[in-house]
Amino acid sequence: MRETAVELEATFLAEMLKHAGFGEARSAFGGGVGEEQFASFLRQEHAGELARSGGIGLAETIFQAMVKGRGDD
């Protein structure tokens, strides 16, 4: 369950990075269409590393909610 919680946090962080403009092609020395197509992969990898190294604490909150929800069965 913890791994799933970390993955959810990574997905959230990737969206936050996207909206912050991380990985967008630069006008000078940009990689063109290829860079634009692979920017999402770069964002997802960075977000995954952030989440696995502690992130913003969202994974722990999600994990605790999952554990609590599992006890209600």
C-alpha atoms as a PDB file:
ATOM      1  CA  MET A   1       0.000   0.000   0.000  1.00  0.00           C
ATOM      2  CA  ARG A   2       2.852   2.367   0.737  1.00  0.00           C
ATOM      3  CA  GLU A   3       4.195   1.962  -2.812  1.00  0.00           C
ATOM      4  CA  THR A   4       0.783   2.867  -4.214  1.00  0.00           C
ATOM      5  CA  ALA A   5       0.649   5.928  -1.978  1.00  0.00           C
ATOM      6  CA  VAL A   6       4.079   7.039  -3.221  1.00  0.00           C
ATOM      7  CA  GLU A   7       2.951   6.545  -6.824  1.00  0.00           C
ATOM      8  CA  LEU A   8      -0.117   8.697  -6.184  1.00  0.00           C
ATOM      9  CA  GLU A   9       2.056  11.433  -4.678  1.00  0.00           C
ATOM     10  CA  ALA A  10       4.398  11.215  -7.684  1.00  0.00           C
ATOM     11  CA  THR A  11       1.458  11.656 -10.057  1.00  0.00           C
ATOM     12  CA  PHE A  12       0.290  14.688  -8.100  1.00  0.00           C
ATOM     13  CA  LEU A  13       3.795  16.176  -8.085  1.00  0.00           C
ATOM     14  CA  ALA A  14       4.153  15.594 -11.845  1.00  0.00           C
ATOM     15  CA  GLU A  15       0.985  17.614 -12.436  1.00  0.00           C
ATOM     16  CA  MET A  16       2.262  20.370 -10.157  1.00  0.00           C
ATOM     17  CA  LEU A  17       5.583  20.449 -12.023  1.00  0.00           C
ATOM     18  CA  LYS A  18       3.726  20.589 -15.332  1.00  0.00           C
ATOM     19  CA  HIS A  19       1.678  23.583 -14.246  1.00  0.00           C
ATOM     20  CA  ALA A  20       4.801  25.258 -12.886  1.00  0.00           C
ATOM     21  CA  GLY A  21       6.355  25.013 -16.347  1.00  0.00           C
ATOM     22  CA  PHE A  22       9.011  22.421 -15.509  1.00  0.00           C
ATOM     23  CA  GLY A  23      10.253  20.658 -18.626  1.00  0.00           C
ATOM     24  CA  GLU A  24       8.848  23.137 -21.127  1.00  0.00           C
ATOM     25  CA  ALA A  25      10.923  23.673 -24.230  1.00  0.00           C
ATOM     26  CA  ARG A  26      13.092  26.776 -24.173  1.00  0.00           C
ATOM     27  CA  SER A  27      13.137  29.064 -27.149  1.00  0.00           C
ATOM     28  CA  ALA A  28      16.947  29.203 -27.266  1.00  0.00           C
ATOM     29  CA  PHE A  29      18.690  25.898 -27.905  1.00  0.00           C
ATOM     30  CA  GLY A  30      15.450  23.970 -27.456  1.00  0.00           C
ATOM     31  CA  GLY A  31      15.039  20.406 -28.649  1.00  0.00           C
ATOM     32  CA  GLY A  32      11.957  21.119 -30.735  1.00  0.00           C
ATOM     33  CA  VAL A  33       9.157  18.605 -31.117  1.00  0.00           C
ATOM     34  CA  GLY A  34      11.167  15.722 -29.659  1.00  0.00           C
ATOM     35  CA  GLU A  35      11.834  17.618 -26.462  1.00  0.00           C
ATOM     36  CA  GLU A  36       8.174  18.528 -26.137  1.00  0.00           C
ATOM     37  CA  GLN A  37       7.095  14.907 -26.585  1.00  0.00           C
ATOM     38  CA  PHE A  38       9.421  13.548 -23.908  1.00  0.00           C
ATOM     39  CA  ALA A  39       9.001  16.364 -21.362  1.00  0.00           C
ATOM     40  CA  SER A  40       6.209  14.456 -19.597  1.00  0.00           C
ATOM     41  CA  PHE A  41       8.530  11.469 -19.049  1.00  0.00           C
ATOM     42  CA  LEU A  42      11.154  13.750 -17.528  1.00  0.00           C
ATOM     43  CA  ARG A  43       8.572  15.368 -15.236  1.00  0.00           C
ATOM     44  CA  GLN A  44       7.244  11.971 -14.135  1.00  0.00           C
ATOM     45  CA  GLU A  45      10.753  10.706 -13.315  1.00  0.00           C
ATOM     46  CA  HIS A  46      11.593  13.824 -11.326  1.00  0.00           C
ATOM     47  CA  ALA A  47       8.267  13.610  -9.500  1.00  0.00           C
ATOM     48  CA  GLY A  48       8.881   9.935  -8.735  1.00  0.00           C
ATOM     49  CA  GLU A  49      12.282  10.697  -7.243  1.00  0.00           C
ATOM     50  CA  LEU A  50      10.817  13.540  -5.203  1.00  0.00           C
ATOM     51  CA  ALA A  51       8.062  11.285  -3.847  1.00  0.00           C
ATOM     52  CA  ARG A  52      10.455   8.420  -3.056  1.00  0.00           C
ATOM     53  CA  SER A  53      12.762  10.778  -1.144  1.00  0.00           C
ATOM     54  CA  GLY A  54       9.996  12.069   1.108  1.00  0.00           C
ATOM     55  CA  GLY A  55       8.227  14.467  -1.207  1.00  0.00           C
ATOM     56  CA  ILE A  56       5.755  16.786   0.450  1.00  0.00           C
ATOM     57  CA  GLY A  57       4.387  14.211   2.871  1.00  0.00           C
ATOM     58  CA  LEU A  58       1.314  13.423   0.817  1.00  0.00           C
ATOM     59  CA  ALA A  59       2.210   9.740   0.412  1.00  0.00           C
ATOM     60  CA  GLU A  60       2.242   9.216   4.173  1.00  0.00           C
ATOM     61  CA  THR A  61      -1.179  10.856   4.515  1.00  0.00           C
ATOM     62  CA  ILE A  62      -2.565   8.707   1.699  1.00  0.00           C
ATOM     63  CA  PHE A  63      -1.010   5.588   3.222  1.00  0.00           C
ATOM     64  CA  GLN A  64      -2.513   6.304   6.654  1.00  0.00           C
ATOM     65  CA  ALA A  65      -5.941   6.821   5.056  1.00  0.00           C
ATOM     66  CA  MET A  66      -5.594   3.521   3.182  1.00  0.00           C
ATOM     67  CA  VAL A  67      -4.656   1.674   6.370  1.00  0.00           C
ATOM     68  CA  LYS A  68      -7.563   3.242   8.233  1.00  0.00           C
ATOM     69  CA  GLY A  69      -9.956   2.406   5.412  1.00  0.00           C
ATOM     70  CA  ARG A  70      -8.747  -1.161   5.303  1.00  0.00           C
ATOM     71  CA  GLY A  71      -9.610  -1.605   8.973  1.00  0.00           C
ATOM     72  CA  ASP A  72     -13.269  -0.772   8.307  1.00  0.00           C
ATOM     73  CA  ASP A  73     -13.871  -3.997   6.334  1.00  0.00           C
END
